[in-house]
Structures are given as structure tokens and as C-alpha cells.
PDB file of N, CA and C in Angstrom:
ATOM      1  N   MET A   1      91.176 -35.319  53.086  1.00  0.00           N
ATOM      2  CA  MET A   1      92.130 -34.362  53.588  1.00  0.00           C
ATOM      3  C   MET A   1      92.924 -34.978  54.737  1.00  0.00           C
ATOM      4  N   SER A   2      92.253 -35.754  55.586  1.00  0.00           N
ATOM      5  CA  SER A   2      92.949 -36.358  56.719  1.00  0.00           C
ATOM      6  C   SER A   2      93.988 -37.386  56.268  1.00  0.00           C
ATOM      7  N   GLU A   3      93.730 -38.086  55.144  1.00  0.00           N
ATOM      8  CA  GLU A   3      94.722 -39.036  54.634  1.00  0.00           C
ATOM      9  C   GLU A   3      95.979 -38.321  54.162  1.00  0.00           C
ATOM     10  N   ILE A   4      95.814 -37.161  53.539  1.00  0.00           N
ATOM     11  CA  ILE A   4      96.972 -36.386  53.072  1.00  0.00           C
ATOM     12  C   ILE A   4      97.793 -35.899  54.265  1.00  0.00           C
ATOM     13  N   VAL A   5      97.104 -35.411  55.297  1.00  0.00           N
ATOM     14  CA  VAL A   5      97.797 -34.943  56.500  1.00  0.00           C
ATOM     15  C   VAL A   5      98.560 -36.089  57.152  1.00  0.00           C
ATOM     16  N   ALA A   6      97.937 -37.272  57.243  1.00  0.00           N
ATOM     17  CA  ALA A   6      98.599 -38.427  57.848  1.00  0.00           C
ATOM     18  C   ALA A   6      99.793 -38.888  57.021  1.00  0.00           C
ATOM     19  N   MET A   7      99.661 -38.865  55.688  1.00  0.00           N
ATOM     20  CA  MET A   7     100.750 -39.296  54.816  1.00  0.00           C
ATOM     21  C   MET A   7     101.950 -38.363  54.935  1.00  0.00           C
ATOM     22  N   LEU A   8     101.695 -37.060  55.053  1.00  0.00           N
ATOM     23  CA  LEU A   8     102.787 -36.092  55.161  1.00  0.00           C
ATOM     24  C   LEU A   8     103.321 -35.955  56.578  1.00  0.00           C
ATOM     25  N   GLY A   9     102.596 -36.497  57.559  1.00  0.00           N
ATOM     26  CA  GLY A   9     103.038 -36.423  58.951  1.00  0.00           C
ATOM     27  C   GLY A   9     102.914 -35.036  59.550  1.00  0.00           C
ATOM     28  N   TRP A  10     101.932 -34.259  59.086  1.00  0.00           N
ATOM     29  CA  TRP A  10     101.748 -32.911  59.591  1.00  0.00           C
ATOM     30  C   TRP A  10     100.961 -32.928  60.895  1.00  0.00           C
ATOM     31  N   ASN A  11     101.297 -32.022  61.779  1.00  0.00           N
ATOM     32  CA  ASN A  11     100.532 -31.880  63.023  1.00  0.00           C
ATOM     33  C   ASN A  11     100.198 -30.416  63.287  1.00  0.00           C
ATOM     34  N   ARG A  12     100.231 -29.607  62.248  1.00  0.00           N
ATOM     35  CA  ARG A  12      99.920 -28.187  62.403  1.00  0.00           C
ATOM     36  C   ARG A  12      98.759 -27.817  61.483  1.00  0.00           C
ATOM     37  N   ALA A  13      98.227 -26.644  61.655  1.00  0.00           N
ATOM     38  CA  ALA A  13      97.080 -26.195  60.855  1.00  0.00           C
ATOM     39  C   ALA A  13      97.504 -25.949  59.403  1.00  0.00           C
ATOM     40  N   TRP A  14      96.556 -26.116  58.488  1.00  0.00           N
ATOM     41  CA  TRP A  14      96.809 -25.887  57.076  1.00  0.00           C
ATOM     42  C   TRP A  14      96.873 -24.388  56.807  1.00  0.00           C
ATOM     43  N   SER A  15      97.771 -23.990  55.908  1.00  0.00           N
ATOM     44  CA  SER A  15      97.852 -22.584  55.521  1.00  0.00           C
ATOM     45  C   SER A  15      96.664 -22.242  54.618  1.00  0.00           C
ATOM     46  N   GLU A  16      96.342 -20.975  54.522  1.00  0.00           N
ATOM     47  CA  GLU A  16      95.201 -20.533  53.716  1.00  0.00           C
ATOM     48  C   GLU A  16      95.351 -20.895  52.233  1.00  0.00           C
ATOM     49  N   PRO A  17      96.529 -20.678  51.597  1.00  0.00           N
ATOM     50  CA  PRO A  17      96.657 -21.072  50.182  1.00  0.00           C
ATOM     51  C   PRO A  17      96.490 -22.578  49.967  1.00  0.00           C
ATOM     52  N   LEU A  18      96.977 -23.388  50.914  1.00  0.00           N
ATOM     53  CA  LEU A  18      96.828 -24.828  50.778  1.00  0.00           C
ATOM     54  C   LEU A  18      95.368 -25.248  50.918  1.00  0.00           C
ATOM     55  N   LEU A  19      94.648 -24.644  51.835  1.00  0.00           N
ATOM     56  CA  LEU A  19      93.221 -24.922  51.975  1.00  0.00           C
ATOM     57  C   LEU A  19      92.462 -24.532  50.711  1.00  0.00           C
ATOM     58  N   GLN A  20      92.779 -23.379  50.146  1.00  0.00           N
ATOM     59  CA  GLN A  20      92.122 -22.944  48.913  1.00  0.00           C
ATOM     60  C   GLN A  20      92.408 -23.919  47.775  1.00  0.00           C
ATOM     61  N   ALA A  21      93.653 -24.361  47.657  1.00  0.00           N
ATOM     62  CA  ALA A  21      94.015 -25.307  46.599  1.00  0.00           C
ATOM     63  C   ALA A  21      93.283 -26.634  46.780  1.00  0.00           C
ATOM     64  N   PHE A  22      93.147 -27.071  48.029  1.00  0.00           N
ATOM     65  CA  PHE A  22      92.437 -28.326  48.291  1.00  0.00           C
ATOM     66  C   PHE A  22      90.977 -28.226  47.871  1.00  0.00           C
ATOM     67  N   PHE A  23      90.316 -27.120  48.208  1.00  0.00           N
ATOM     68  CA  PHE A  23      88.911 -26.983  47.869  1.00  0.00           C
ATOM     69  C   PHE A  23      88.690 -26.764  46.369  1.00  0.00           C
ATOM     70  N   VAL A  24      89.621 -26.117  45.697  1.00  0.00           N
ATOM     71  CA  VAL A  24      89.539 -25.991  44.234  1.00  0.00           C
ATOM     72  C   VAL A  24      89.678 -27.377  43.596  1.00  0.00           C
ATOM     73  N   ALA A  25      90.604 -28.179  44.097  1.00  0.00           N
ATOM     74  CA  ALA A  25      90.774 -29.537  43.570  1.00  0.00           C
ATOM     75  C   ALA A  25      89.539 -30.385  43.849  1.00  0.00           C
ATOM     76  N   SER A  26      88.958 -30.240  45.022  1.00  0.00           N
ATOM     77  CA  SER A  26      87.738 -30.977  45.358  1.00  0.00           C
ATOM     78  C   SER A  26      86.598 -30.600  44.421  1.00  0.00           C
ATOM     79  N   LYS A  27      86.482 -29.322  44.123  1.00  0.00           N
ATOM     80  CA  LYS A  27      85.450 -28.858  43.198  1.00  0.00           C
ATOM     81  C   LYS A  27      85.667 -29.457  41.810  1.00  0.00           C
ATOM     82  N   SER A  28      86.920 -29.522  41.363  1.00  0.00           N
ATOM     83  CA  SER A  28      87.230 -30.092  40.055  1.00  0.00           C
ATOM     84  C   SER A  28      86.874 -31.574  39.994  1.00  0.00           C
ATOM     85  N   VAL A  29      87.170 -32.305  41.059  1.00  0.00           N
ATOM     86  CA  VAL A  29      86.828 -33.730  41.099  1.00  0.00           C
ATOM     87  C   VAL A  29      85.321 -33.901  41.059  1.00  0.00           C
ATOM     88  N   TRP A  30      84.588 -33.050  41.768  1.00  0.00           N
ATOM     89  CA  TRP A  30      83.128 -33.127  41.757  1.00  0.00           C
ATOM     90  C   TRP A  30      82.585 -32.837  40.351  1.00  0.00           C
ATOM     91  N   MET A  31      83.176 -31.883  39.648  1.00  0.00           N
ATOM     92  CA  MET A  31      82.738 -31.565  38.294  1.00  0.00           C
ATOM     93  C   MET A  31      82.996 -32.738  37.334  1.00  0.00           C
ATOM     94  N   VAL A  32      84.134 -33.418  37.494  1.00  0.00           N
ATOM     95  CA  VAL A  32      84.427 -34.591  36.666  1.00  0.00           C
ATOM     96  C   VAL A  32      83.408 -35.693  36.958  1.00  0.00           C
ATOM     97  N   HIS A  33      83.054 -35.858  38.219  1.00  0.00           N
ATOM     98  CA  HIS A  33      82.034 -36.842  38.611  1.00  0.00           C
ATOM     99  C   HIS A  33      80.694 -36.524  37.935  1.00  0.00           C
ATOM    100  N   LEU A  34      80.293 -35.268  37.962  1.00  0.00           N
ATOM    101  CA  LEU A  34      79.038 -34.871  37.318  1.00  0.00           C
ATOM    102  C   LEU A  34      79.098 -35.081  35.810  1.00  0.00           C
ATOM    103  N   LEU A  35      80.233 -34.764  35.204  1.00  0.00           N
ATOM    104  CA  LEU A  35      80.403 -34.953  33.767  1.00  0.00           C
ATOM    105  C   LEU A  35      80.312 -36.430  33.388  1.00  0.00           C
ATOM    106  N   ALA A  36      80.919 -37.296  34.190  1.00  0.00           N
ATOM    107  CA  ALA A  36      80.879 -38.737  33.911  1.00  0.00           C
ATOM    108  C   ALA A  36      79.454 -39.279  33.987  1.00  0.00           C
ATOM    109  N   ASN A  37      78.630 -38.690  34.837  1.00  0.00           N
ATOM    110  CA  ASN A  37      77.250 -39.153  34.982  1.00  0.00           C
ATOM    111  C   ASN A  37      76.281 -38.421  34.060  1.00  0.00           C
ATOM    112  N   SER A  38      76.767 -37.486  33.258  1.00  0.00           N
ATOM    113  CA  SER A  38      75.874 -36.708  32.402  1.00  0.00           C
ATOM    114  C   SER A  38      75.628 -37.354  31.041  1.00  0.00           C
ATOM    115  N   VAL A  39      76.401 -38.376  30.687  1.00  0.00           N
ATOM    116  CA  VAL A  39      76.209 -39.058  29.414  1.00  0.00           C
ATOM    117  C   VAL A  39      75.419 -40.343  29.640  1.00  0.00           C
ATOM    118  N   HIS A  40      74.816 -40.854  28.559  1.00  0.00           N
ATOM    119  CA  HIS A  40      74.061 -42.096  28.689  1.00  0.00           C
ATOM    120  C   HIS A  40      74.667 -43.131  27.754  1.00  0.00           C
ATOM    121  N   PRO A  41      75.061 -44.298  28.195  1.00  0.00           N
ATOM    122  CA  PRO A  41      75.089 -44.721  29.592  1.00  0.00           C
ATOM    123  C   PRO A  41      76.224 -44.024  30.333  1.00  0.00           C
ATOM    124  N   SER A  42      76.055 -43.850  31.634  1.00  0.00           N
ATOM    125  CA  SER A  42      77.049 -43.116  32.413  1.00  0.00           C
ATOM    126  C   SER A  42      78.383 -43.873  32.425  1.00  0.00           C
ATOM    127  N   LEU A  43      79.463 -43.130  32.523  1.00  0.00           N
ATOM    128  CA  LEU A  43      80.803 -43.713  32.526  1.00  0.00           C
ATOM    129  C   LEU A  43      81.118 -44.260  33.915  1.00  0.00           C
ATOM    130  N   SER A  44      81.703 -45.430  33.961  1.00  0.00           N
ATOM    131  CA  SER A  44      82.121 -46.005  35.241  1.00  0.00           C
ATOM    132  C   SER A  44      83.422 -45.352  35.670  1.00  0.00           C
ATOM    133  N   ILE A  45      83.492 -44.982  36.933  1.00  0.00           N
ATOM    134  CA  ILE A  45      84.689 -44.340  37.475  1.00  0.00           C
ATOM    135  C   ILE A  45      85.605 -45.420  38.032  1.00  0.00           C
ATOM    136  N   PHE A  46      86.899 -45.333  37.704  1.00  0.00           N
ATOM    137  CA  PHE A  46      87.903 -46.291  38.140  1.00  0.00           C
ATOM    138  C   PHE A  46      88.711 -45.667  39.270  1.00  0.00           C
ATOM    139  N   ARG A  47      88.547 -46.190  40.483  1.00  0.00           N
ATOM    140  CA  ARG A  47      89.260 -45.676  41.657  1.00  0.00           C
ATOM    141  C   ARG A  47      90.290 -46.699  42.124  1.00  0.00           C
ATOM    142  N   VAL A  48      91.345 -46.211  42.759  1.00  0.00           N
ATOM    143  CA  VAL A  48      92.407 -47.074  43.271  1.00  0.00           C
ATOM    144  C   VAL A  48      92.634 -46.739  44.744  1.00  0.00           C
ATOM    145  N   ASP A  49      92.723 -47.761  45.581  1.00  0.00           N
ATOM    146  CA  ASP A  49      93.006 -47.572  47.000  1.00  0.00           C
ATOM    147  C   ASP A  49      94.511 -47.594  47.235  1.00  0.00           C
ATOM    148  N   LYS A  50      94.930 -47.065  48.373  1.00  0.00           N
ATOM    149  CA  LYS A  50      96.356 -47.123  48.691  1.00  0.00           C
ATOM    150  C   LYS A  50      96.734 -48.557  49.037  1.00  0.00           C
ATOM    151  N   GLY A  51      97.973 -48.902  48.734  1.00  0.00           N
ATOM    152  CA  GLY A  51      98.475 -50.246  48.992  1.00  0.00           C
ATOM    153  C   GLY A  51      98.270 -51.221  47.847  1.00  0.00           C
ATOM    154  N   VAL A  52      97.634 -50.790  46.762  1.00  0.00           N
ATOM    155  CA  VAL A  52      97.405 -51.641  45.596  1.00  0.00           C
ATOM    156  C   VAL A  52      98.657 -51.636  44.729  1.00  0.00           C
ATOM    157  N   ASN A  53      98.964 -52.762  44.085  1.00  0.00           N
ATOM    158  CA  ASN A  53     100.103 -52.818  43.165  1.00  0.00           C
ATOM    159  C   ASN A  53      99.861 -51.927  41.956  1.00  0.00           C
ATOM    160  N   PHE A  54     100.905 -51.240  41.522  1.00  0.00           N
ATOM    161  CA  PHE A  54     100.823 -50.350  40.362  1.00  0.00           C
ATOM    162  C   PHE A  54     100.677 -51.173  39.094  1.00  0.00           C
ATOM    163  N   ASP A  55      99.733 -50.801  38.235  1.00  0.00           N
ATOM    164  CA  ASP A  55      99.508 -51.454  36.945  1.00  0.00           C
ATOM    165  C   ASP A  55      99.521 -50.369  35.872  1.00  0.00           C
ATOM    166  N   SER A  56     100.528 -50.392  35.008  1.00  0.00           N
ATOM    167  CA  SER A  56     100.700 -49.327  34.016  1.00  0.00           C
ATOM    168  C   SER A  56      99.608 -49.312  32.955  1.00  0.00           C
ATOM    169  N   VAL A  57      98.820 -50.386  32.849  1.00  0.00           N
ATOM    170  CA  VAL A  57      97.719 -50.412  31.891  1.00  0.00           C
ATOM    171  C   VAL A  57      96.612 -49.472  32.323  1.00  0.00           C
ATOM    172  N   TYR A  58      96.345 -49.410  33.636  1.00  0.00           N
ATOM    173  CA  TYR A  58      95.235 -48.631  34.160  1.00  0.00           C
ATOM    174  C   TYR A  58      95.659 -47.399  34.951  1.00  0.00           C
ATOM    175  N   MET A  59      96.949 -47.265  35.250  1.00  0.00           N
ATOM    176  CA  MET A  59      97.412 -46.182  36.115  1.00  0.00           C
ATOM    177  C   MET A  59      98.597 -45.453  35.496  1.00  0.00           C
ATOM    178  N   GLU A  60      98.704 -44.171  35.847  1.00  0.00           N
ATOM    179  CA  GLU A  60      99.847 -43.348  35.443  1.00  0.00           C
ATOM    180  C   GLU A  60     100.479 -42.801  36.711  1.00  0.00           C
ATOM    181  N   ASP A  61     101.790 -43.064  36.894  1.00  0.00           N
ATOM    182  CA  ASP A  61     102.489 -42.598  38.086  1.00  0.00           C
ATOM    183  C   ASP A  61     102.889 -41.148  37.913  1.00  0.00           C
ATOM    184  N   MET A  62     102.416 -40.283  38.787  1.00  0.00           N
ATOM    185  CA  MET A  62     102.727 -38.859  38.717  1.00  0.00           C
ATOM    186  C   MET A  62     104.022 -38.543  39.451  1.00  0.00           C
ATOM    187  N   GLY A  63     104.655 -39.557  40.062  1.00  0.00           N
ATOM    188  CA  GLY A  63     105.863 -39.354  40.842  1.00  0.00           C
ATOM    189  C   GLY A  63     107.120 -39.148  40.033  1.00  0.00           C
ATOM    190  N   GLY A  64     107.094 -39.432  38.750  1.00  0.00           N
ATOM    191  CA  GLY A  64     108.269 -39.162  37.925  1.00  0.00           C
ATOM    192  C   GLY A  64     109.096 -40.386  37.613  1.00  0.00           C
ATOM    193  N   ASP A  65     110.337 -40.449  38.116  1.00  0.00           N
ATOM    194  CA  ASP A  65     111.338 -41.440  37.727  1.00  0.00           C
ATOM    195  C   ASP A  65     110.939 -42.852  38.161  1.00  0.00           C
ATOM    196  N   LYS A  66     110.483 -43.652  37.193  1.00  0.00           N
ATOM    197  CA  LYS A  66     110.110 -45.033  37.478  1.00  0.00           C
ATOM    198  C   LYS A  66     111.227 -46.007  37.118  1.00  0.00           C
ATOM    199  N   SER A  67     112.203 -45.573  36.335  1.00  0.00           N
ATOM    200  CA  SER A  67     113.217 -46.494  35.835  1.00  0.00           C
ATOM    201  C   SER A  67     114.175 -46.975  36.923  1.00  0.00           C
ATOM    202  N   SER A  68     114.343 -46.206  37.990  1.00  0.00           N
ATOM    203  CA  SER A  68     115.314 -46.596  39.016  1.00  0.00           C
ATOM    204  C   SER A  68     114.740 -47.568  40.032  1.00  0.00           C
ATOM    205  N   ARG A  69     113.470 -47.823  39.973  1.00  0.00           N
ATOM    206  CA  ARG A  69     112.842 -48.716  40.950  1.00  0.00           C
ATOM    207  C   ARG A  69     112.898 -50.150  40.430  1.00  0.00           C
ATOM    208  N   LEU A  70     113.359 -51.059  41.275  1.00  0.00           N
ATOM    209  CA  LEU A  70     113.447 -52.454  40.882  1.00  0.00           C
ATOM    210  C   LEU A  70     112.311 -53.285  41.461  1.00  0.00           C
ATOM    211  N   VAL A  71     111.688 -52.807  42.525  1.00  0.00           N
ATOM    212  CA  VAL A  71     110.584 -53.547  43.149  1.00  0.00           C
ATOM    213  C   VAL A  71     109.258 -53.010  42.618  1.00  0.00           C
ATOM    214  N   PRO A  72     108.205 -53.824  42.636  1.00  0.00           N
ATOM    215  CA  PRO A  72     106.905 -53.343  42.162  1.00  0.00           C
ATOM    216  C   PRO A  72     106.425 -52.165  42.993  1.00  0.00           C
ATOM    217  N   ASN A  73     105.834 -51.193  42.338  1.00  0.00           N
ATOM    218  CA  ASN A  73     105.347 -49.997  43.008  1.00  0.00           C
ATOM    219  C   ASN A  73     104.049 -50.281  43.731  1.00  0.00           C
ATOM    220  N   MET A  74     103.884 -49.629  44.856  1.00  0.00           N
ATOM    221  CA  MET A  74     102.625 -49.668  45.594  1.00  0.00           C
ATOM    222  C   MET A  74     102.038 -48.265  45.538  1.00  0.00           C
ATOM    223  N   VAL A  75     100.733 -48.177  45.333  1.00  0.00           N
ATOM    224  CA  VAL A  75     100.056 -46.895  45.260  1.00  0.00           C
ATOM    225  C   VAL A  75      99.983 -46.280  46.659  1.00  0.00           C
ATOM    226  N   ARG A  76     100.422 -45.027  46.779  1.00  0.00           N
ATOM    227  CA  ARG A  76     100.313 -44.310  48.049  1.00  0.00           C
ATOM    228  C   ARG A  76      99.016 -43.519  48.120  1.00  0.00           C
ATOM    229  N   ILE A  77      98.661 -42.865  46.998  1.00  0.00           N
ATOM    230  CA  ILE A  77      97.428 -42.089  46.965  1.00  0.00           C
ATOM    231  C   ILE A  77      97.002 -41.889  45.518  1.00  0.00           C
ATOM    232  N   MET A  78      95.687 -41.870  45.289  1.00  0.00           N
ATOM    233  CA  MET A  78      95.166 -41.609  43.954  1.00  0.00           C
ATOM    234  C   MET A  78      95.027 -40.101  43.784  1.00  0.00           C
ATOM    235  N   VAL A  79      95.582 -39.569  42.704  1.00  0.00           N
ATOM    236  CA  VAL A  79      95.533 -38.136  42.430  1.00  0.00           C
ATOM    237  C   VAL A  79      94.276 -37.782  41.641  1.00  0.00           C
ATOM    238  N   ALA A  80      93.969 -38.571  40.620  1.00  0.00           N
ATOM    239  CA  ALA A  80      92.783 -38.338  39.788  1.00  0.00           C
ATOM    240  C   ALA A  80      92.205 -39.684  39.380  1.00  0.00           C
ATOM    241  N   PRO A  81      90.885 -39.810  39.376  1.00  0.00           N
ATOM    242  CA  PRO A  81      90.278 -41.096  39.011  1.00  0.00           C
ATOM    243  C   PRO A  81      90.382 -41.359  37.515  1.00  0.00           C
ATOM    244  N   GLY A  82      90.237 -42.612  37.154  1.00  0.00           N
ATOM    245  CA  GLY A  82      90.166 -43.004  35.758  1.00  0.00           C
ATOM    246  C   GLY A  82      88.731 -43.325  35.390  1.00  0.00           C
ATOM    247  N   PHE A  83      88.496 -43.629  34.111  1.00  0.00           N
ATOM    248  CA  PHE A  83      87.148 -43.919  33.639  1.00  0.00           C
ATOM    249  C   PHE A  83      87.177 -45.066  32.658  1.00  0.00           C
ATOM    250  N   TYR A  84      86.103 -45.833  32.637  1.00  0.00           N
ATOM    251  CA  TYR A  84      85.869 -46.814  31.593  1.00  0.00           C
ATOM    252  C   TYR A  84      84.976 -46.147  30.564  1.00  0.00           C
ATOM    253  N   VAL A  85      85.488 -45.980  29.348  1.00  0.00           N
ATOM    254  CA  VAL A  85      84.750 -45.289  28.296  1.00  0.00           C
ATOM    255  C   VAL A  85      84.509 -46.267  27.153  1.00  0.00           C
ATOM    256  N   TYR A  86      83.302 -46.787  27.063  1.00  0.00           N
ATOM    257  CA  TYR A  86      82.876 -47.656  25.966  1.00  0.00           C
ATOM    258  C   TYR A  86      83.891 -48.764  25.664  1.00  0.00           C
ATOM    259  N   GLY A  87      84.291 -49.506  26.677  1.00  0.00           N
ATOM    260  CA  GLY A  87      85.159 -50.644  26.486  1.00  0.00           C
ATOM    261  C   GLY A  87      86.639 -50.396  26.667  1.00  0.00           C
ATOM    262  N   SER A  88      87.062 -49.170  26.766  1.00  0.00           N
ATOM    263  CA  SER A  88      88.467 -48.882  27.019  1.00  0.00           C
ATOM    264  C   SER A  88      88.597 -48.084  28.304  1.00  0.00           C
ATOM    265  N   ALA A  89      89.811 -47.956  28.802  1.00  0.00           N
ATOM    266  CA  ALA A  89      90.025 -47.290  30.082  1.00  0.00           C
ATOM    267  C   ALA A  89      90.846 -46.016  29.904  1.00  0.00           C
ATOM    268  N   VAL A  90      90.441 -44.950  30.590  1.00  0.00           N
ATOM    269  CA  VAL A  90      91.240 -43.730  30.714  1.00  0.00           C
ATOM    270  C   VAL A  90      92.000 -43.882  32.015  1.00  0.00           C
ATOM    271  N   LYS A  91      93.316 -43.826  31.954  1.00  0.00           N
ATOM    272  CA  LYS A  91      94.144 -44.105  33.129  1.00  0.00           C
ATOM    273  C   LYS A  91      93.871 -43.150  34.274  1.00  0.00           C
ATOM    274  N   CYS A  92      93.919 -43.698  35.501  1.00  0.00           N
ATOM    275  CA  CYS A  92      93.852 -42.832  36.673  1.00  0.00           C
ATOM    276  C   CYS A  92      95.279 -42.411  37.029  1.00  0.00           C
ATOM    277  N   LYS A  93      95.411 -41.304  37.705  1.00  0.00           N
ATOM    278  CA  LYS A  93      96.732 -40.782  38.082  1.00  0.00           C
ATOM    279  C   LYS A  93      96.965 -41.071  39.560  1.00  0.00           C
ATOM    280  N   VAL A  94      98.134 -41.631  39.868  1.00  0.00           N
ATOM    281  CA  VAL A  94      98.460 -42.037  41.230  1.00  0.00           C
ATOM    282  C   VAL A  94      99.874 -41.585  41.596  1.00  0.00           C
ATOM    283  N   LEU A  95     100.156 -41.575  42.881  1.00  0.00           N
ATOM    284  CA  LEU A  95     101.521 -41.383  43.385  1.00  0.00           C
ATOM    285  C   LEU A  95     101.959 -42.686  44.018  1.00  0.00           C
ATOM    286  N   CYS A  96     103.126 -43.179  43.613  1.00  0.00           N
ATOM    287  CA  CYS A  96     103.648 -44.438  44.146  1.00  0.00           C
ATOM    288  C   CYS A  96     104.761 -44.167  45.143  1.00  0.00           C
TER     289      CYS A  96
END
């Protein structure tokens, strides 16, 4: 949560709907984590840190228009993790 606040440059308290949305999203991420560990062998989770170069093989940019950018994209924040499923990868979602 603190990374999101720092990225947006906010210095005020979060509104109640935004806090609720954050905790609902956190719950969803936790459920995906539990689901990934519920199969045998467990699925490896693919995470991306900020500042990493965008790779379209493993990542999907949720920011929209990629055609107008001429320089390589840098990841600002990971929206949803990806998974390695039996030799192939499910793309993680990022904002560049």
C-alpha cells in the first residue's frame, strides 16, 4: 500500500471506498496464492519488481497504448502475479 501511495504522490488519508477496494484486492491475491499451492506439484509464482524491463513473453501491460512508445518499457508496478504451469508461463499483469 505504501508503494502505491508513494507512486501516486499522495499525502492525505485514503478514502473509505479506496481502502475497501484495496483490501478486496489483497484478499483476491491471497486466494490466488492459496490456489497455486493447492495442487501437486505446487505452481511457481512469477513476480516482477519495479524497474525491470518489460518482456511481452512473460508480462502483459495493463496501461493500454504500447504502440506509441519507442523506448523499452520499465515496469512501474505489478498488478497481478504470473504462474509457471507445467512448463509454460501464465503472464503477469504490470503497469509500465
